[in-house]
Structures are given as structure tokens and as C-alpha cells.
Protein backbone atom coordinates (compact mmCIF):
# COMPACT_ATOMS: atom_id res chain seq x y z
CA UNK A 1 21.16 2.26 -6.49
CA UNK A 2 18.90 0.13 -8.68
CA UNK A 3 16.96 1.36 -11.71
CA UNK A 4 13.63 0.01 -12.92
CA UNK A 5 13.14 -1.04 -16.55
CA UNK A 6 11.50 2.37 -17.11
CA UNK A 7 13.98 4.73 -15.38
CA UNK A 8 15.25 6.07 -18.72
CA UNK A 9 11.67 7.01 -19.69
CA UNK A 10 11.06 8.88 -16.42
CA UNK A 11 14.30 10.81 -16.89
CA UNK A 12 13.40 11.65 -20.50
CA UNK A 13 10.02 12.95 -19.28
CA UNK A 14 11.80 15.29 -16.85
CA UNK A 15 10.71 13.54 -13.65
CA UNK A 16 12.33 14.59 -10.39
CA UNK A 17 14.23 11.42 -9.46
CA UNK A 18 15.24 10.53 -5.91
CA UNK A 19 16.48 7.41 -4.11
CA UNK A 20 13.63 5.40 -2.58
CA UNK A 21 14.06 1.94 -1.01
CA UNK A 22 17.35 1.49 -2.88
CA UNK A 23 15.85 2.44 -6.24
CA UNK A 24 16.13 5.54 -8.42
CA UNK A 25 12.43 6.48 -8.51
CA UNK A 26 10.28 9.27 -10.02
CA UNK A 27 8.94 11.44 -7.18
CA UNK A 28 7.11 14.10 -9.23
CA UNK A 29 6.65 15.14 -12.85
CA UNK A 30 4.51 18.30 -13.02
CA UNK A 31 3.79 18.69 -9.30
CA UNK A 32 2.05 16.75 -6.52
CA UNK A 33 -1.32 18.55 -6.61
CA UNK A 34 -1.74 18.32 -10.39
CA UNK A 35 -0.74 14.64 -10.41
CA UNK A 36 -3.03 13.87 -7.46
CA UNK A 37 -5.94 15.54 -9.29
CA UNK A 38 -5.22 13.53 -12.47
CA UNK A 39 -5.63 10.26 -10.55
CA UNK A 40 -8.78 11.42 -8.74
CA UNK A 41 -10.51 12.63 -11.93
CA UNK A 42 -8.95 10.85 -14.94
CA UNK A 43 -6.16 8.26 -15.07
CA UNK A 44 -2.48 8.22 -14.07
CA UNK A 45 0.35 5.69 -14.26
CA UNK A 46 2.79 4.89 -11.47
CA UNK A 47 5.95 2.85 -11.96
CA UNK A 48 6.05 0.78 -8.77
CA UNK A 49 8.46 -1.85 -10.08
CA UNK A 50 10.50 -1.50 -6.89
CA UNK A 51 7.93 -3.65 -5.05
CA UNK A 52 8.94 -7.23 -4.23
CA UNK A 53 7.36 -10.44 -5.54
CA UNK A 54 7.86 -13.92 -4.06
CA UNK A 55 6.39 -17.06 -5.68
CA UNK A 56 5.57 -19.85 -3.21
CA UNK A 57 4.79 -23.26 -4.71
CA UNK A 58 4.12 -26.82 -3.58
CA UNK A 59 1.67 -28.83 -1.47
CA UNK A 60 2.63 -26.90 1.70
CA UNK A 61 2.58 -23.38 0.21
CA UNK A 62 -0.71 -22.51 1.91
CA UNK A 63 0.47 -23.97 5.22
CA UNK A 64 3.55 -21.73 5.18
CA UNK A 65 1.48 -18.65 4.33
CA UNK A 66 -0.95 -19.50 7.15
CA UNK A 67 2.00 -19.82 9.54
CA UNK A 68 3.68 -16.49 8.70
CA UNK A 69 0.71 -14.20 7.91
CA UNK A 70 -2.05 -12.86 10.17
CA UNK A 71 -5.00 -13.16 7.76
CA UNK A 72 -6.71 -16.43 6.83
CA UNK A 73 -5.37 -17.32 3.38
CA UNK A 74 -7.46 -20.52 3.36
CA UNK A 75 -10.44 -18.38 2.33
CA UNK A 76 -8.74 -17.40 -0.96
CA UNK A 77 -9.98 -18.85 -4.24
CA UNK A 78 -8.13 -18.70 -7.59
CA UNK A 79 -7.95 -15.12 -8.84
CA UNK A 80 -8.42 -13.50 -5.44
CA UNK A 81 -6.06 -11.30 -3.43
CA UNK A 82 -5.82 -10.74 0.32
CA UNK A 83 -4.28 -7.92 2.35
CA UNK A 84 -2.30 -9.31 5.27
CA UNK A 85 0.75 -8.75 7.45
CA UNK A 86 3.77 -10.67 8.70
CA UNK A 87 3.76 -10.42 12.53
CA UNK A 88 7.10 -10.66 14.33
CA UNK A 89 7.77 -12.31 17.68
CA UNK A 90 7.77 -9.02 19.61
CA UNK A 91 4.21 -7.85 18.95
CA UNK A 92 5.15 -5.77 15.90
CA UNK A 93 4.94 -6.16 12.12
CA UNK A 94 7.73 -7.36 9.82
CA UNK A 95 5.78 -6.01 6.81
CA UNK A 96 2.33 -5.70 5.30
CA UNK A 97 1.77 -7.52 2.02
CA UNK A 98 -0.65 -8.85 -0.58
CA UNK A 99 -1.26 -12.58 -1.03
CA UNK A 100 -2.38 -13.66 -4.54
CA UNK A 101 -3.78 -17.14 -5.07
CA UNK A 102 -2.67 -18.06 -8.60
CA UNK A 103 -3.97 -21.65 -8.29
CA UNK A 104 -3.87 -24.51 -5.80
CA UNK A 105 -0.33 -24.87 -4.43
CA UNK A 106 0.85 -21.60 -6.01
CA UNK A 107 0.75 -18.14 -4.40
CA UNK A 108 2.37 -14.80 -5.15
CA UNK A 109 3.35 -12.56 -2.22
CA UNK A 110 3.81 -8.86 -3.00
CA UNK A 111 5.90 -7.04 -0.39
CA UNK A 112 7.22 -3.54 0.21
CA UNK A 113 10.36 -2.50 -1.66
CA UNK A 114 12.27 -1.49 1.46
CA UNK A 115 11.59 -4.87 3.09
CA UNK A 116 12.35 -7.33 0.26
CA UNK A 117 15.50 -8.80 1.85
CA UNK A 118 14.09 -8.69 5.38
CA UNK A 119 10.84 -10.43 4.34
CA UNK A 120 12.65 -13.07 2.27
CA UNK A 121 14.89 -13.95 5.21
CA UNK A 122 11.95 -13.96 7.64
CA UNK A 123 9.77 -16.28 5.55
CA UNK A 124 12.71 -18.49 4.54
CA UNK A 125 13.69 -18.99 8.18
CA UNK A 126 10.20 -20.37 8.90
CA UNK A 127 10.04 -22.55 5.79
CA UNK A 128 10.54 -25.97 7.38
CA UNK A 129 7.75 -27.33 5.15
CA UNK A 130 9.70 -27.81 1.93
CA UNK A 131 7.90 -25.01 0.10
CA UNK A 132 9.62 -23.92 -3.12
CA UNK A 133 10.32 -20.18 -2.87
CA UNK A 134 11.39 -17.95 -5.76
CA UNK A 135 12.31 -14.29 -5.35
CA UNK A 136 11.09 -12.70 -8.61
CA UNK A 137 11.57 -9.12 -7.44
CA UNK A 138 14.43 -8.23 -9.81
CA UNK A 139 12.77 -9.88 -12.83
CA UNK A 140 9.34 -8.25 -12.77
CA UNK A 141 7.99 -4.76 -13.36
CA UNK A 142 4.77 -3.36 -11.90
CA UNK A 143 2.63 -0.51 -13.21
CA UNK A 144 -0.26 0.92 -11.21
CA UNK A 145 -2.75 2.52 -13.60
CA UNK A 146 -5.15 4.38 -11.35
CA UNK A 147 -8.20 6.58 -11.77
CA UNK A 148 -11.93 6.55 -12.61
CA UNK A 149 -11.23 6.42 -16.36
CA UNK A 150 -8.88 3.42 -16.14
CA UNK A 151 -11.37 0.79 -17.37
CA UNK A 152 -12.43 2.89 -20.35
CA UNK A 153 -8.87 3.91 -21.22
CA UNK A 154 -7.38 0.40 -21.07
CA UNK A 155 -10.13 -1.90 -22.35
CA UNK A 156 -8.90 -1.84 -25.97
CA UNK A 157 -5.56 -3.34 -24.84
CA UNK A 158 -7.00 -6.65 -23.58
CA UNK A 159 -9.61 -9.32 -24.27
CA UNK A 160 -10.21 -9.53 -20.49
CA UNK A 161 -13.40 -7.70 -19.40
CA UNK A 162 -11.79 -5.12 -17.10
CA UNK A 163 -15.12 -3.92 -15.69
CA UNK A 164 -15.72 -7.46 -14.38
CA UNK A 165 -12.55 -7.54 -12.21
CA UNK A 166 -13.78 -6.79 -8.70
CA UNK A 167 -11.71 -5.07 -6.03
CA UNK A 168 -9.06 -7.46 -4.67
CA UNK A 169 -9.45 -9.84 -7.61
CA UNK A 170 -7.15 -10.43 -10.59
CA UNK A 171 -7.01 -12.10 -14.00
CA UNK A 172 -4.08 -13.53 -15.93
CA UNK A 173 -4.51 -12.61 -19.59
CA UNK A 174 -3.30 -10.71 -22.63
CA UNK A 175 -2.47 -7.03 -22.26
CA UNK A 176 -0.91 -4.59 -24.74
CA UNK A 177 0.09 -7.42 -27.06
CA UNK A 178 1.71 -9.56 -24.36
CA UNK A 179 0.36 -12.87 -23.04
CA UNK A 180 0.17 -14.03 -19.40
CA UNK A 181 0.13 -10.63 -17.71
CA UNK A 182 -1.37 -10.28 -14.22
CA UNK A 183 -4.13 -7.64 -14.26
CA UNK A 184 -5.06 -6.90 -10.67
CA UNK A 185 -7.51 -4.53 -8.93
CA UNK A 186 -5.83 -3.84 -5.57
CA UNK A 187 -5.34 -0.08 -5.84
CA UNK A 188 -3.64 1.99 -3.14
CA UNK A 189 -5.28 5.30 -4.17
CA UNK A 190 -9.03 4.85 -3.69
CA UNK A 191 -9.55 6.00 -7.29
CA UNK A 192 -10.06 2.61 -8.96
CA UNK A 193 -7.84 1.10 -11.63
CA UNK A 194 -5.41 -1.76 -12.07
CA UNK A 195 -1.93 -3.08 -11.41
CA UNK A 196 -0.08 -4.73 -14.28
CA UNK A 197 2.64 -7.29 -13.45
CA UNK A 198 4.96 -8.13 -16.36
CA UNK A 199 8.55 -9.16 -17.05
CA UNK A 200 11.10 -6.35 -17.21
CA UNK A 201 11.64 -6.68 -20.95
CA UNK A 202 7.89 -6.21 -21.52
CA UNK A 203 7.49 -3.07 -19.39
CA UNK A 204 8.40 -0.48 -22.02
CA UNK A 205 6.00 -1.90 -24.62
CA UNK A 206 3.19 -1.89 -22.06
CA UNK A 207 4.03 1.66 -20.89
CA UNK A 208 4.03 2.99 -24.46
CA UNK A 209 0.76 1.30 -25.45
CA UNK A 210 -0.96 2.43 -22.24
CA UNK A 211 0.00 6.05 -22.96
CA UNK A 212 -1.04 5.69 -26.59
CA UNK A 213 -4.60 4.53 -25.80
CA UNK A 214 -4.84 6.71 -22.69
CA UNK A 215 -4.06 9.98 -24.47
CA UNK A 216 -7.75 10.61 -25.20
CA UNK A 217 -8.53 10.20 -21.48
CA UNK A 218 -5.95 12.67 -20.16
CA UNK A 219 -3.50 9.99 -18.97
CA UNK A 220 -0.32 11.22 -17.27
CA UNK A 221 2.69 9.72 -15.47
CA UNK A 222 2.46 10.08 -11.69
CA UNK A 223 5.25 10.10 -9.11
CA UNK A 224 5.53 8.54 -5.66
CA UNK A 225 4.79 11.84 -3.87
CA UNK A 226 1.21 11.91 -5.18
CA UNK A 227 0.90 8.21 -4.39
CA UNK A 228 1.53 9.15 -0.77
CA UNK A 229 -1.10 11.93 -0.66
CA UNK A 230 -3.66 9.69 -2.42
CA UNK A 231 -3.17 6.76 -0.02
CA UNK A 232 -3.24 9.06 3.00
CA UNK A 233 -6.60 10.55 1.96
CA UNK A 234 -7.89 6.94 2.03
CA UNK A 235 -6.38 6.21 5.45
CA UNK A 236 -4.19 3.41 4.07
CA UNK A 237 -1.17 2.52 6.23
CA UNK A 238 2.35 3.01 4.90
CA UNK A 239 5.00 0.65 6.27
CA UNK A 240 7.77 2.58 8.00
CA UNK A 241 5.37 5.38 8.91
CA UNK A 242 2.08 4.07 10.31
CA UNK A 243 3.16 0.48 10.95
CA UNK A 244 6.59 -0.96 11.74
CA UNK A 245 8.49 -3.53 13.80
CA UNK A 246 7.12 -2.10 17.06
CA UNK A 247 3.45 -1.41 16.21
CA UNK A 248 0.98 -4.26 16.57
CA UNK A 249 -1.78 -4.92 14.02
CA UNK A 250 -4.33 -4.50 16.83
CA UNK A 251 -3.01 -1.02 17.71
CA UNK A 252 -2.91 -0.13 14.00
CA UNK A 253 -6.60 -0.92 13.50
CA UNK A 254 -5.71 -4.02 11.48
CA UNK A 255 -7.71 -6.43 13.64
CA UNK A 256 -9.74 -7.17 10.50
CA UNK A 257 -6.70 -8.88 8.93
CA UNK A 258 -5.75 -10.65 12.17
CA UNK A 259 -7.69 -13.94 12.29
CA UNK A 260 -7.52 -16.13 15.37
CA UNK A 261 -9.19 -19.20 13.83
CA UNK A 262 -5.64 -20.45 13.11
CA UNK A 263 -2.21 -20.31 14.72
CA UNK A 264 0.41 -17.97 13.26
CA UNK A 265 3.54 -16.15 14.42
CA UNK A 266 2.89 -14.61 17.86
CA UNK A 267 -0.87 -15.20 17.54
CA UNK A 268 -1.26 -16.02 21.25
CA UNK A 269 0.19 -12.64 22.25
CA UNK A 270 -1.91 -10.73 19.73
CA UNK A 271 -5.07 -12.57 20.81
CA UNK A 272 -4.44 -11.63 24.44
CA UNK A 273 -3.82 -8.04 23.35
CA UNK A 274 -7.12 -7.95 21.47
CA UNK A 275 -9.02 -9.39 24.45
CA UNK A 276 -7.34 -7.16 27.06
CA UNK A 277 -7.47 -4.00 24.93
CA UNK A 278 -4.62 -1.76 23.81
CA UNK A 279 -3.23 1.39 25.44
CA UNK A 280 -2.67 3.28 22.18
CA UNK A 281 -4.44 3.35 18.85
CA UNK A 282 -3.86 4.61 15.31
CA UNK A 283 -6.31 7.42 14.53
CA UNK A 284 -7.03 9.79 11.68
CA UNK A 285 -7.31 13.53 12.36
CA UNK A 286 -8.14 16.76 10.53
CA UNK A 287 -6.55 20.08 11.37
CA UNK A 288 -9.02 22.72 12.57
CA UNK A 289 -6.80 25.58 11.38
CA UNK A 290 -4.70 25.92 8.23
CA UNK A 291 -1.58 23.93 9.10
CA UNK A 292 0.31 20.88 7.84
CA UNK A 293 1.04 18.02 10.25
CA UNK A 294 4.23 16.07 9.58
CA UNK A 295 5.69 12.68 10.48
CA UNK A 296 7.03 12.61 14.08
CA UNK A 297 5.23 15.80 15.21
CA UNK A 298 4.07 15.53 18.81
CA UNK A 299 0.35 15.12 19.62
CA UNK A 300 -0.73 16.76 22.89
CA UNK A 301 -3.93 17.34 24.86
CA UNK A 302 -5.49 20.70 25.84
CA UNK A 303 -3.08 20.96 28.78
CA UNK A 304 -0.01 20.36 26.60
CA UNK A 305 0.59 16.82 27.86
CA UNK A 306 2.07 14.41 25.31
CA UNK A 307 -0.55 11.85 24.21
CA UNK A 308 0.99 10.54 21.00
CA UNK A 309 2.86 11.08 17.75
CA UNK A 310 2.00 11.83 14.11
CA UNK A 311 2.96 8.99 11.74
CA UNK A 312 1.76 10.50 8.43
CA UNK A 313 0.54 13.98 7.52
CA UNK A 314 -0.06 16.25 4.56
CA UNK A 315 -2.13 19.06 3.12
CA UNK A 316 -4.75 16.90 1.38
CA UNK A 317 -5.12 18.11 -2.23
CA UNK A 318 -8.70 16.79 -2.62
CA UNK A 319 -9.86 18.33 0.68
CA UNK A 320 -7.70 21.46 0.92
CA UNK A 321 -7.02 20.86 4.61
CA UNK A 322 -4.32 19.35 6.77
CA UNK A 323 -4.89 15.67 7.60
CA UNK A 324 -2.86 13.03 9.33
CA UNK A 325 -2.63 9.71 11.10
CA UNK A 326 -0.97 8.99 14.38
CA UNK A 327 -0.94 6.94 17.55
CA UNK A 328 -2.65 8.40 20.63
CA UNK A 329 -3.56 7.07 24.06
CA UNK A 330 -6.82 5.12 24.00
CA UNK A 331 -8.54 7.83 26.11
CA UNK A 332 -8.01 10.35 23.30
CA UNK A 333 -8.86 8.08 20.35
CA UNK A 334 -12.65 8.44 20.05
CA UNK A 335 -14.04 10.14 16.94
CA UNK A 336 -14.59 13.89 17.52
CA UNK A 337 -11.99 14.01 20.33
CA UNK A 338 -10.10 17.30 20.41
CA UNK A 339 -6.32 16.92 20.13
CA UNK A 340 -3.48 19.32 19.31
CA UNK A 341 -0.53 18.95 16.96
CA UNK A 342 2.64 20.68 18.17
CA UNK A 343 3.96 22.56 15.14
CA UNK A 344 7.03 24.77 15.75
CA UNK A 345 6.22 25.12 19.49
CA UNK A 346 2.58 26.06 18.77
CA UNK A 347 -0.23 23.66 19.68
CA UNK A 348 -2.62 23.68 16.71
CA UNK A 349 -6.12 22.21 17.25
CA UNK A 350 -7.19 19.07 15.41
CA UNK A 351 -10.10 16.66 15.61
CA UNK A 352 -10.13 12.84 15.51
CA UNK A 353 -12.18 11.71 12.49
CA UNK A 354 -13.34 8.46 10.95
CA UNK A 355 -11.28 7.33 7.98
CA UNK A 356 -11.17 7.45 5.00
CA UNK A 357 -10.76 11.22 4.91
CA UNK A 358 -11.75 11.34 1.22
CA UNK A 359 -15.09 9.91 0.16
CA UNK A 360 -15.89 9.96 -3.54
């Protein structure tokens, strides 16, 4: 099992550590609800150094990205980021990812920790364009500093104007006494804030300085469990739960990152699927009684017939109610549709709602 450059700090802080995607990761410190609330109201720091980073360089870098991803990376300008996915040949998704345009002929792909090897092999197998590929995953650390007080708490650490970095944009600049750090605004929590990409030997200095200046703003370390409840309240997909090798981006409501003005892996099939319509769809739902939906719980109709499956579920800390996402038949997918979640042989009523669940 791999450690991040900050594992010893998490252990010293008393974090509950568990294996996640092959890494020894902090799951909670003081408890999910308290950590969740810190990010919603103040500022919290996640160590997400387990994520993967691939650097693609050369005159054909964009062409390769266009070939393997569903979104149109040609629209990117320097300092912009794009959410996208890697379709497979069977109508499913190899992974979802972020595409950073560093400059012309140089892009950074940020992929999910559990899929680093799979994604590297997938992209490499399609690289018949001579693109230089570097897997930087083991060399770089990543901190997600999230919350409404992030700008105020961090501004003294950098000469970059943090308030000027728009959502899905980034700057390369000085941070916490270190040059050439990527400061990105692509948060996965809906609470605002930044992601800091640095080399492993710089991570501890950045962590310590962030906590030093953040003390006055109530900064706290946050584990991966609260990251999951925060992203779910926003209706953000989690690979392995809500999307996987067998779910299509069209079914998953990711048509907005599936652009048919170019050819990419399996684009003909996905275009036909979009035109013909899908038979199942990813929806968000709220429980109508006090109950917690869980991954793989059955979704049924009023007559007890199976109509789908829960992919993610929790008791939402900000809403104090059970919420979830899942795939249901298209007939049951409209907002306000009544559905039931089968929890321990009892069919508990729920209602299809528009996401995000949490609106600040």
C-alpha cells in the first residue's frame, strides 16, 4: 500500500486511516458531519495526492486528447481546465478526468487514483501520434483547500490574485514560498476553493504554511468520507459508483461533455444513442421518510417492480435528509416522480429531484 508525502502528518493528527485506491488515506479526523460543516462554512484541507497526473507534450498532444476524450479540448485556452471522460469501445466509460491546458502542445490530464494504470494503458495504446507522455502520478502531491473562506485564508501565501481565478481556470505561480505551483479552481465540493499541485518534497511545507495562515479562519484537515458527502450533495458523479465501464455518458447525464463536432472513441455509437434516446437514466432523489439509501440498494415502483439501482447515497449533513443517485428506467426518471428504495425488505418512498441537492 502506498503512502502520500503527508501520511505521517495524518497519522500524527489521529486520522482514521484506511486503504483507498491502493493508498493509505485519511478517511476521517473528528467525524464526517463536523468536517463536512467546516468545508461548507469555513475552510478545510484534503490530501488527494493519490490522484493521477499525466503530462502530454508535442505537436500532436491536442490531437491525441481529442481522439481519446469525449469533450472538445480544442476550445481550451492557456490556464483553462475541462471536465471530460474517456469513452471505451463498449458504450461505457474508462474514467472521468480533468484536462488542463498548460500551453500550446502541453496538457496535464488528472485522473482517478483507482484508474491510473488502466488510463495510462488505454491512452498509451491509442498514442500512434508520437505524443510524449509522462506519468507524474508518483512524483506529485495534491491538496484540495475547500470552503467559502479559502480565498481570504490563502491570499497571503501567494502573489497571484486568488479572487481572480474563475471556476475551471488555473494559474501557475508562487505559493507558500515555492515557485511554479499549479493553483486551480476545479473543486469537487461546491464550496469554492483551490487545488494545489506541487512536488512531493514540497507538500509538507505547503501543508504547514496553509494551516498556519488558516488558523484564524477555522481551517481543519478533512478526510475522504466528508469529500464523498460534499460531492454527493452537489450531484457530482464518482467513478466506480455513478459511472463505470458499463454506463454511457449519455445515460449518466454527461451529454454536456460529449461533443459530436469531432470524432473520438466510440463517438458513432454514442451519437446514435443520443439521437435514439436511452432506456435508463441517472437521477437524483430525496427520501420522503427518515432513511439512508446505500450503494446497490434496489429502486422499485409503487407495485414493487424493480426499476433501477442506487449508485450513491447518504444522510446529507447540510440537508438533514437521505439523498442519493441511481439509474432508473426512463419512464420513472422525470423530476417529482415517486419511486421507492428497498431498505431491509421495506419499500421507503422517495422523490426524483433536480440536482444539485444543496444550493448555497
